[in-house]
Protein backbone atom coordinates (compact mmCIF):
# COMPACT_ATOMS: atom_id res chain seq x y z
CA MET A 1 147.14 127.48 78.50
CA THR A 2 148.25 130.11 81.06
CA GLY A 3 148.14 133.30 78.73
CA ASN A 4 145.45 135.64 77.78
CA PRO A 5 142.32 133.57 76.90
CA GLY A 6 140.51 136.30 75.04
CA ARG A 7 143.51 136.92 72.75
CA SER A 8 143.94 133.16 72.05
CA VAL A 9 140.25 132.81 71.26
CA ALA A 10 140.33 135.87 68.93
CA LEU A 11 143.46 134.38 67.19
CA ALA A 12 141.84 130.91 66.93
CA THR A 13 138.61 132.44 65.52
CA LEU A 14 140.57 134.52 63.04
CA LEU A 15 142.73 131.48 61.94
CA LEU A 16 139.28 129.51 61.70
CA LEU A 17 137.65 132.28 59.45
CA LEU A 18 140.81 132.54 57.34
CA ALA A 19 140.70 128.71 56.87
CA LEU A 20 137.09 128.58 56.06
CA ALA A 21 137.49 131.41 53.48
CA GLY A 22 140.39 129.47 51.79
CA ALA A 23 138.83 126.14 51.97
CA LEU A 24 135.17 126.57 51.17
CA VAL A 25 135.30 127.39 47.60
CA GLY A 26 132.42 125.57 46.01
CA GLN A 27 130.94 124.87 49.32
CA ALA A 28 127.91 126.42 50.95
CA VAL A 29 128.15 128.02 54.25
CA LEU A 30 124.94 127.92 56.21
CA GLN A 31 124.59 130.45 59.04
CA VAL A 32 122.94 129.77 62.32
CA PRO A 33 120.96 131.88 63.38
CA GLY A 34 121.47 134.12 60.36
CA GLY A 35 120.03 131.90 57.77
CA PHE A 36 118.45 129.22 60.04
CA SER A 37 116.81 129.49 63.30
CA THR A 38 118.20 126.11 64.63
CA ILE A 39 121.10 124.00 63.97
CA GLN A 40 119.00 121.05 63.12
CA SER A 41 117.04 122.96 60.53
CA ALA A 42 120.31 123.82 58.85
CA ILE A 43 121.37 120.11 58.91
CA VAL A 44 118.04 119.12 57.25
CA SER A 45 118.80 121.69 54.36
CA ALA A 46 122.51 120.97 54.16
CA GLN A 47 124.01 118.98 51.28
CA GLY A 48 127.18 116.81 51.58
CA GLY A 49 130.30 118.88 52.04
CA ASP A 50 128.42 122.11 53.33
CA VAL A 51 129.46 123.89 56.44
CA ILE A 52 127.24 125.03 59.00
CA LEU A 53 128.66 127.88 61.04
CA VAL A 54 126.96 128.39 64.41
CA GLN A 55 127.23 131.88 66.24
CA PRO A 56 127.59 131.93 70.01
CA GLY A 57 124.59 131.29 72.04
CA VAL A 58 122.57 128.55 73.88
CA TYR A 59 120.71 126.29 71.48
CA THR A 60 118.09 123.96 73.09
CA GLU A 61 117.80 121.12 70.72
CA ASN A 62 118.91 117.64 69.91
CA LEU A 63 120.86 117.08 66.77
CA ASP A 64 120.78 114.16 64.27
CA PHE A 65 123.18 114.38 61.37
CA LEU A 66 120.96 112.18 59.20
CA GLY A 67 123.81 110.50 57.45
CA LYS A 68 125.12 113.64 55.93
CA ALA A 69 128.75 114.45 55.52
CA VAL A 70 128.34 118.13 56.80
CA ASP A 71 130.70 120.18 58.94
CA VAL A 72 128.94 121.67 61.97
CA ARG A 73 131.08 123.97 63.88
CA SER A 74 130.90 126.93 66.18
CA ALA A 75 132.32 130.42 65.25
CA ALA A 76 133.69 131.02 68.79
CA GLY A 77 134.38 127.81 70.44
CA PRO A 78 132.66 125.67 73.28
CA ALA A 79 132.78 128.38 76.04
CA ALA A 80 130.55 130.59 74.04
CA THR A 81 128.37 128.00 72.08
CA VAL A 82 126.22 125.53 73.88
CA ILE A 83 123.75 122.94 72.79
CA ASP A 84 121.52 121.98 75.61
CA GLY A 85 119.75 118.75 75.06
CA GLY A 86 116.83 119.67 77.40
CA GLN A 87 116.78 115.92 78.79
CA ALA A 88 115.00 114.97 75.66
CA GLY A 89 117.43 112.39 74.38
CA PRO A 90 121.10 112.40 73.14
CA VAL A 91 122.28 115.97 72.49
CA VAL A 92 123.93 114.72 69.22
CA SER A 93 123.33 111.65 67.24
CA PHE A 94 125.30 109.88 64.43
CA VAL A 95 123.12 106.90 63.90
CA SER A 96 122.89 106.63 60.07
CA GLY A 97 126.24 105.35 59.05
CA GLU A 98 127.85 108.87 58.86
CA GLY A 99 131.64 108.72 57.76
CA SER A 100 134.55 110.94 58.95
CA SER A 101 133.44 113.94 56.95
CA ALA A 102 130.39 114.15 59.33
CA HIS A 103 132.28 116.79 61.63
CA LEU A 104 131.36 118.38 64.84
CA ALA A 105 133.52 120.94 66.26
CA GLY A 106 133.57 123.59 69.04
CA PHE A 107 130.48 123.07 71.19
CA THR A 108 129.50 122.37 74.77
CA LEU A 109 127.04 119.54 74.84
CA THR A 110 125.06 119.37 78.04
CA ASN A 111 121.87 118.12 79.60
CA GLY A 112 121.38 115.20 77.47
CA LEU A 113 119.34 112.31 78.88
CA ALA A 114 119.05 108.85 77.20
CA ALA A 115 119.66 105.13 77.85
CA GLU A 116 122.49 105.32 75.34
CA GLY A 117 124.66 108.39 75.07
CA GLY A 118 123.27 111.35 76.97
CA GLY A 119 125.88 113.61 75.23
CA ILE A 120 126.64 111.82 71.98
CA ARG A 121 125.39 108.68 70.45
CA CYS A 122 127.07 106.78 67.64
CA ALA A 123 125.72 103.64 66.13
CA ASN A 124 125.01 101.69 63.03
CA ASN A 125 128.51 101.80 61.47
CA SER A 126 128.91 105.54 62.00
CA SER A 127 132.55 107.05 62.12
CA PRO A 128 132.20 110.77 62.58
CA THR A 129 134.89 113.29 63.52
CA ILE A 130 134.44 115.20 66.77
CA ASP A 131 136.85 118.12 67.79
CA ASP A 132 137.31 120.65 70.52
CA CYS A 133 134.13 119.98 72.49
CA ILE A 134 133.09 119.97 76.15
CA VAL A 135 130.71 117.13 77.01
CA ARG A 136 129.50 117.77 80.46
CA LEU A 137 126.52 116.90 82.86
CA ASN A 138 124.74 114.36 80.57
CA MET A 139 123.05 111.35 81.83
CA ALA A 140 122.47 107.67 80.80
CA VAL A 141 119.72 106.03 82.77
CA ALA A 142 119.83 102.23 83.23
CA GLY A 143 122.07 102.19 80.10
CA TYR A 144 125.63 103.29 79.18
CA GLY A 145 127.71 106.07 77.72
CA ALA A 146 126.61 109.16 79.64
CA GLY A 147 129.07 111.24 77.79
CA LEU A 148 129.59 109.23 74.58
CA ALA A 149 128.02 105.75 73.64
CA CYS A 150 129.40 103.94 70.67
CA VAL A 151 127.50 100.77 69.29
CA ASP A 152 128.94 99.44 66.21
CA ALA A 153 130.57 102.69 65.62
CA SER A 154 134.19 104.16 65.26
CA PRO A 155 134.22 107.78 65.98
CA LEU A 156 137.41 109.98 66.19
CA VAL A 157 137.27 112.30 69.13
CA ARG A 158 139.98 114.86 69.62
CA ASN A 159 140.74 117.74 72.04
CA THR A 160 137.52 116.97 73.90
CA VAL A 161 136.67 117.24 77.67
CA PHE A 162 134.08 114.61 79.25
CA ALA A 163 133.43 115.93 82.78
CA GLY A 164 130.57 115.37 85.29
CA ASN A 165 128.57 112.83 83.23
CA TRP A 166 126.52 110.23 85.06
CA SER A 167 125.73 106.70 83.83
CA MET A 168 123.00 106.06 86.48
CA GLY A 169 122.47 102.37 87.11
CA GLY A 170 124.74 101.63 84.01
CA ALA A 171 128.27 101.69 82.61
CA GLY A 172 130.71 104.25 81.23
CA GLY A 173 130.36 107.55 82.78
CA ALA A 174 132.23 109.25 80.12
CA VAL A 175 132.56 106.68 77.37
CA ALA A 176 131.03 103.49 76.66
CA CYS A 177 131.50 101.15 73.69
CA ILE A 178 130.07 97.88 72.85
CA PHE A 179 129.54 95.30 69.93
CA GLY A 180 132.61 95.55 67.88
CA THR A 181 133.00 99.35 68.34
CA GLY A 182 136.42 100.86 67.73
CA PRO A 183 136.39 104.58 68.74
CA THR A 184 139.65 106.66 68.96
CA LEU A 185 140.12 109.34 71.43
CA VAL A 186 143.14 111.71 70.95
CA ASN A 187 144.21 114.35 73.57
CA CYS A 188 140.85 114.07 75.48
CA THR A 189 140.42 114.71 79.19
CA LEU A 190 137.98 112.43 81.10
CA PHE A 191 137.44 113.83 84.57
CA GLY A 192 134.90 113.44 87.36
CA ASN A 193 132.42 111.06 85.49
CA LEU A 194 130.44 108.43 87.30
CA ALA A 195 128.88 105.08 86.47
CA ASP A 196 128.30 101.65 88.24
CA PHE A 197 131.09 100.30 85.98
CA GLY A 198 133.83 102.27 84.43
CA GLY A 199 133.46 105.90 85.30
CA GLY A 200 135.96 106.90 82.70
CA LEU A 201 135.61 104.11 79.97
CA SER A 202 133.48 101.08 79.89
CA THR A 203 133.82 98.61 77.04
CA ALA A 204 132.43 95.14 76.00
CA ASN A 205 133.55 93.14 72.98
CA SER A 206 135.16 96.38 71.55
CA SER A 207 138.49 97.74 70.68
CA PRO A 208 138.78 101.43 71.83
CA THR A 209 142.07 103.38 71.41
CA LEU A 210 142.99 106.26 73.63
CA VAL A 211 146.25 108.36 72.85
CA ASN A 212 147.49 111.38 74.85
CA CYS A 213 144.40 111.21 77.01
CA ILE A 214 143.92 111.96 80.78
CA LEU A 215 141.62 109.77 82.80
CA TRP A 216 141.34 110.93 86.31
CA SER A 217 138.87 111.26 89.27
CA ASN A 218 136.32 108.96 87.53
CA ALA A 219 134.50 106.59 89.68
CA PRO A 220 134.26 103.73 90.65
CA THR A 221 137.13 102.96 88.21
CA GLU A 222 138.81 104.56 85.39
CA VAL A 223 138.38 101.80 83.09
CA ASP A 224 136.09 98.63 83.05
CA ALA A 225 136.73 96.29 80.15
CA VAL A 226 134.91 92.95 79.23
CA ALA A 227 136.17 90.80 76.50
CA SER A 228 137.65 93.94 74.90
CA ALA A 229 141.03 94.82 73.33
CA VAL A 230 141.60 98.31 75.03
CA LEU A 231 144.84 100.17 73.84
CA LEU A 232 145.96 103.07 75.94
CA ASP A 233 149.02 104.74 74.51
CA HIS A 234 150.87 107.78 76.35
CA CYS A 235 147.92 108.33 78.64
CA ASP A 236 147.87 109.55 82.31
CA ILE A 237 145.65 107.38 84.18
CA SER A 238 144.78 107.40 87.86
CA GLY A 239 146.19 103.98 89.31
CA GLY A 240 148.17 103.27 86.37
CA TRP A 241 147.51 101.03 83.39
CA THR A 242 148.79 97.40 82.94
CA GLY A 243 146.98 96.64 79.68
CA ALA A 244 148.17 97.16 76.14
CA GLY A 245 150.04 100.32 75.24
CA VAL A 246 153.20 102.24 75.99
CA GLY A 247 154.37 105.45 77.49
CA ASN A 248 151.40 105.66 80.17
CA ILE A 249 151.99 107.29 83.44
CA ALA A 250 149.98 107.59 86.64
CA SER A 251 150.91 110.90 88.23
CA ALA A 252 148.34 113.64 89.15
CA PRO A 253 148.05 115.89 85.99
CA LEU A 254 148.28 119.05 88.01
CA PHE A 255 145.16 120.87 86.48
CA VAL A 256 144.62 124.56 87.44
CA ASP A 257 141.35 123.47 88.96
CA GLY A 258 139.79 120.16 87.98
CA ALA A 259 136.71 120.58 90.32
CA ALA A 260 135.95 123.87 88.46
CA GLU A 261 136.57 122.21 85.17
CA ASP A 262 139.69 124.20 84.34
CA PHE A 263 141.78 121.58 82.85
CA HIS A 264 144.67 123.80 81.69
CA LEU A 265 147.85 122.46 83.04
CA ALA A 266 148.80 124.60 86.17
CA SER A 267 152.64 124.51 85.94
CA ALA A 268 155.66 123.34 84.28
CA ALA A 269 155.86 120.54 86.95
CA SER A 270 152.91 118.86 85.30
CA PRO A 271 154.04 115.25 84.23
CA CYS A 272 151.67 115.56 81.13
CA ILE A 273 153.89 118.12 79.60
CA ASP A 274 155.88 116.78 76.63
CA ALA A 275 154.75 113.21 77.60
CA GLY A 276 152.50 112.46 74.69
CA VAL A 277 153.20 111.05 71.24
CA THR A 278 152.92 112.52 67.73
CA LEU A 279 150.64 110.55 65.34
CA PRO A 280 148.80 111.35 62.01
CA THR A 281 145.50 112.09 63.77
CA LEU A 282 147.28 114.51 66.23
CA PRO A 283 145.22 117.86 66.03
CA LEU A 284 147.39 120.86 64.87
CA ALA A 285 146.12 122.90 67.84
CA ASP A 286 144.86 122.30 71.47
CA TRP A 287 141.23 123.28 72.46
CA ASP A 288 142.36 126.94 72.94
CA GLY A 289 143.73 127.21 69.58
CA ASP A 290 147.35 127.00 70.77
CA ALA A 291 149.86 125.17 68.66
CA ARG A 292 150.35 121.42 69.45
CA SER A 293 153.55 119.77 70.11
CA ILE A 294 155.57 123.10 71.09
CA ALA A 295 158.55 121.03 72.44
CA THR A 296 159.93 117.66 71.67
CA ALA A 297 156.40 115.94 71.99
CA PRO A 298 152.93 116.98 72.56
CA ASP A 299 151.34 117.32 75.95
CA ILE A 300 148.69 114.73 77.38
CA GLY A 301 145.21 116.03 77.61
CA VAL A 302 143.34 118.90 75.92
CA ASP A 303 145.78 121.56 76.90
CA GLU A 304 149.23 122.34 75.41
CA ALA A 305 150.94 124.38 78.03
CA HIS A 306 152.82 127.61 77.17
CA PHE A 307 154.49 128.44 80.34
CA PHE A 308 157.79 129.67 78.81
CA ALA A 309 156.17 132.43 77.07
CA GLN A 310 154.30 133.82 80.17
CA ASN A 311 157.00 133.65 82.74
CA PRO A 312 160.58 133.49 81.33
CA ALA A 313 163.19 132.12 83.63
CA ALA A 314 164.79 134.52 86.07
CA ASP A 315 168.23 133.47 84.98
CA GLY A 316 169.85 130.68 82.95
CA ASN A 317 172.42 128.25 84.28
CA ILE A 318 175.63 130.43 83.67
CA THR A 319 177.19 131.20 87.08
CA SER A 320 179.78 133.50 88.39
CA GLY A 321 182.63 132.32 90.56
CA SER A 322 180.51 132.61 93.71
CA GLY A 323 177.92 130.38 92.14
CA SER A 324 175.10 133.08 91.87
CA ALA A 325 173.26 133.39 88.68
CA ILE A 326 174.22 136.25 86.34
CA ASP A 327 172.72 138.00 83.49
CA LEU A 328 174.55 137.98 80.07
CA LEU A 329 171.59 138.99 77.73
CA PHE A 330 170.36 142.57 77.43
CA ALA A 331 167.57 144.15 75.31
CA ASN A 332 167.87 147.96 75.01
CA GLY A 333 170.33 147.84 77.76
CA SER A 334 168.05 145.88 80.17
CA SER A 335 168.20 142.32 81.34
CA GLY A 336 164.40 142.57 82.19
CA GLY A 337 162.28 144.32 84.60
CA VAL A 338 159.10 143.14 86.41
CA SER A 339 158.64 139.49 85.36
CA ARG A 340 161.75 139.65 83.37
CA THR A 341 159.92 141.83 80.74
CA VAL A 342 161.11 144.76 78.58
CA PRO A 343 158.24 146.84 77.24
CA LEU A 344 158.96 148.32 73.58
CA PRO A 345 156.59 150.23 71.43
CA ALA A 346 155.64 148.61 68.17
CA GLY A 347 157.78 149.89 65.37
CA SER A 348 160.59 151.00 67.67
CA VAL A 349 164.26 150.13 67.65
CA LEU A 350 165.68 147.09 69.42
CA ASN A 351 169.26 146.37 70.38
CA VAL A 352 170.28 143.18 71.61
CA LEU A 353 173.64 142.63 73.47
CA LEU A 354 175.38 139.38 74.63
CA ALA A 355 178.06 139.96 77.13
CA GLN A 356 181.26 137.89 77.45
CA PRO A 357 180.70 135.06 80.03
CA PRO A 358 183.20 134.89 82.96
CA GLY A 359 185.61 132.09 82.94
CA ASN A 360 185.98 132.02 79.32
CA PRO A 361 189.27 133.57 78.11
CA THR A 362 188.38 133.74 74.49
CA PRO A 363 185.38 135.15 72.63
CA ALA A 364 182.52 132.99 73.21
CA PRO A 365 180.45 131.51 70.28
CA PHE A 366 176.70 131.72 70.87
CA ALA A 367 173.27 131.44 69.51
CA VAL A 368 170.19 133.58 70.56
CA PHE A 369 166.85 131.76 70.30
CA ALA A 370 163.51 133.30 70.65
CA VAL A 371 159.70 132.19 70.77
CA LEU A 372 156.82 134.21 69.57
CA ALA A 373 154.29 134.02 72.37
CA GLU A 374 150.54 134.38 72.19
CA PRO A 375 150.90 136.92 69.32
CA ASP A 376 148.41 139.41 67.96
CA TYR A 377 150.09 138.91 64.54
CA PHE A 378 151.51 135.44 63.55
CA ASP A 379 154.11 134.81 60.86
CA ALA A 380 155.30 131.17 61.11
CA VAL A 381 157.84 131.70 58.30
CA THR A 382 160.06 134.71 58.49
CA LEU A 383 160.15 137.97 60.66
CA PRO A 384 162.64 140.47 58.92
CA PHE A 385 164.28 142.25 61.62
CA GLY A 386 167.17 143.73 59.64
CA ILE A 387 170.00 141.22 59.97
CA GLY A 388 169.45 138.93 56.99
CA ALA A 389 166.67 136.41 57.37
CA MET A 390 165.45 135.47 60.85
CA SER A 391 163.42 132.56 60.24
CA PHE A 392 161.14 130.66 62.63
CA VAL A 393 162.32 126.99 62.47
CA PRO A 394 161.05 123.96 64.42
CA CYS A 395 163.90 122.55 66.35
CA PRO A 396 163.91 120.24 69.48
CA LEU A 397 167.13 121.68 70.65
CA ILE A 398 165.70 123.78 73.40
CA PRO A 399 162.35 122.15 74.29
CA THR A 400 161.14 125.13 76.42
CA LEU A 401 161.47 127.38 73.41
CA GLN A 402 159.32 125.66 70.94
CA PRO A 403 157.65 125.65 68.55
CA PHE A 404 159.26 128.66 66.98
CA VAL A 405 162.96 129.39 67.24
CA PHE A 406 165.23 131.62 65.28
CA THR A 407 168.87 132.67 65.34
CA LEU A 408 170.42 136.03 64.97
CA ALA A 409 172.81 135.23 62.33
CA SER A 410 174.07 137.13 59.05
CA THR A 411 173.61 133.79 57.16
CA PRO A 412 171.06 131.29 58.34
CA THR A 413 172.07 127.70 58.04
CA GLY A 414 169.03 126.71 56.21
CA SER A 415 168.86 123.68 58.43
CA SER A 416 165.79 122.61 60.16
CA CYS A 417 167.68 122.67 63.35
CA PRO A 418 170.02 125.64 63.52
CA ALA A 419 173.55 124.99 64.93
CA VAL A 420 174.02 125.80 68.56
CA LEU A 421 177.14 127.96 68.02
CA GLN A 422 176.92 130.66 65.35
CA ALA A 423 179.77 132.60 63.78
CA PHE A 424 179.23 135.58 66.14
CA PRO A 425 181.66 135.69 69.26
CA ALA A 426 180.65 137.25 72.57
CA PRO A 427 180.70 139.97 73.40
CA TRP A 428 178.32 141.02 70.69
CA ALA A 429 175.86 143.60 69.83
CA SER A 430 173.25 143.40 67.14
CA GLY A 431 172.94 147.05 66.31
CA PRO A 432 169.57 148.77 65.68
CA LEU A 433 166.78 146.24 64.75
CA PHE A 434 163.60 147.83 63.52
CA LEU A 435 160.57 146.14 65.03
CA PRO A 436 157.44 145.53 63.04
CA PRO A 437 154.54 147.83 63.44
CA PHE A 438 152.33 145.29 65.23
CA SER A 439 152.05 143.93 68.87
CA PHE A 440 153.43 140.65 69.75
CA ASP A 441 155.35 138.98 72.72
CA LEU A 442 158.86 137.47 72.11
CA THR A 443 160.98 135.65 74.61
CA LEU A 444 164.67 135.64 74.02
CA GLN A 445 167.27 133.34 75.47
CA ALA A 446 170.90 132.59 74.43
CA ILE A 447 173.12 129.52 74.35
CA VAL A 448 176.60 130.40 74.96
CA GLN A 449 180.11 128.76 75.37
CA VAL A 450 180.77 129.36 78.98
CA ALA A 451 184.25 127.76 78.72
CA PRO A 452 185.84 125.86 75.99
CA GLY A 453 183.71 122.64 75.42
CA THR A 454 180.93 123.86 77.93
CA LEU A 455 177.64 125.33 77.01
CA GLY A 456 175.18 127.33 79.16
CA ALA A 457 172.02 129.20 79.09
CA THR A 458 171.64 132.86 79.61
CA ASN A 459 168.89 134.66 81.32
CA ALA A 460 165.65 134.95 79.50
CA ILE A 461 163.96 138.13 78.68
CA LEU A 462 160.23 138.61 77.46
CA LEU A 463 159.91 141.52 75.02
CA ARG A 464 156.42 142.95 75.10
CA ILE A 465 156.01 144.73 71.73
CA GLY A 466 153.18 147.20 71.36
């Protein structure tokens, strides 16, 4: 993500709390440290189905889920909520046959030290769900799985970073699995992990599945497999992958700063953008809380890039006779100022104008598309601007303007993918549209008929409301 992380965290936290409020009827919510001084003491007291909500802080302890179907989650995400194992064993253990309802979400797990699983240990037919975690700087000594060790276990791990873990004198710096294990990793990033064998993944007699994952800068190799059925599907792996799976690439992911553990994708040139695959276990959001699959396909790794909303294109692809780019789209008389941005007060009036493209002798049909960007307020259904219904509709037509597009039209088509050409011809002006009284960013761009039978994209404008 390249936007305002504070605002994204606030939005993600708000959505989390709203979800909890709606979903926890009949469930107990155990607060740490409000009701319990440690996370482990809350687990001991919890009943199946309870939620343990952990406030920001550093908790020096080693957790054992004790076979319970409890949901242990942070209130503010992994950057603010750390569990420090104190080199006293695995930071978190699932070793009593826990099922998928045993859930861990939103923590940094660090400073664990064990022979099996310095960060996380799964064993004895356990299959927990782990989301949105950072597993870093853990060790396995003369063993395996410094970040995650699976022994006869099948956890589902999503949106999780494994970085800087070291299996000293052993195997699997980030992840190791043995003895019939079948873990599944979805949209995870494995970077800079070390081991004697398989710095990223080491497996023996097991069948791990990695989907939409990045394996990069792990040493001595990304994957070491012995008598195993390893499946990599739509992953980015250094050196490439010749085993089972499809859609894999071997190009540098272009992190913002991998060495500093900033695994956001740095630019729209990243080969990981739109290179993933959708599947039932795909998380709805990335590790920042940003919506997944904002274009035709999800991105690979923990980050879903949102570049279009932060830096709208200077111009579209409509050209004048001289070949230079031109502006056709105007908001309140401007085609965009600094960074193509038009600032507008919340609750003010907006006028949108689309000019007639040169080279088209007849009024040009068009559609205006927009994307709500890093909003302070979020409405995924309808935004009433004053011209009929302006609905947010998923549509793969314009990949860079996903996931929310709408058309300025007197009568919406009702289709999940609006027609490219609406009834309005250019030149066209919307007339006064009264903006809602809350803050948000909105990027506008139009698709217009440049000449009969030929479409083009106009300039993009970022409207900064509020």
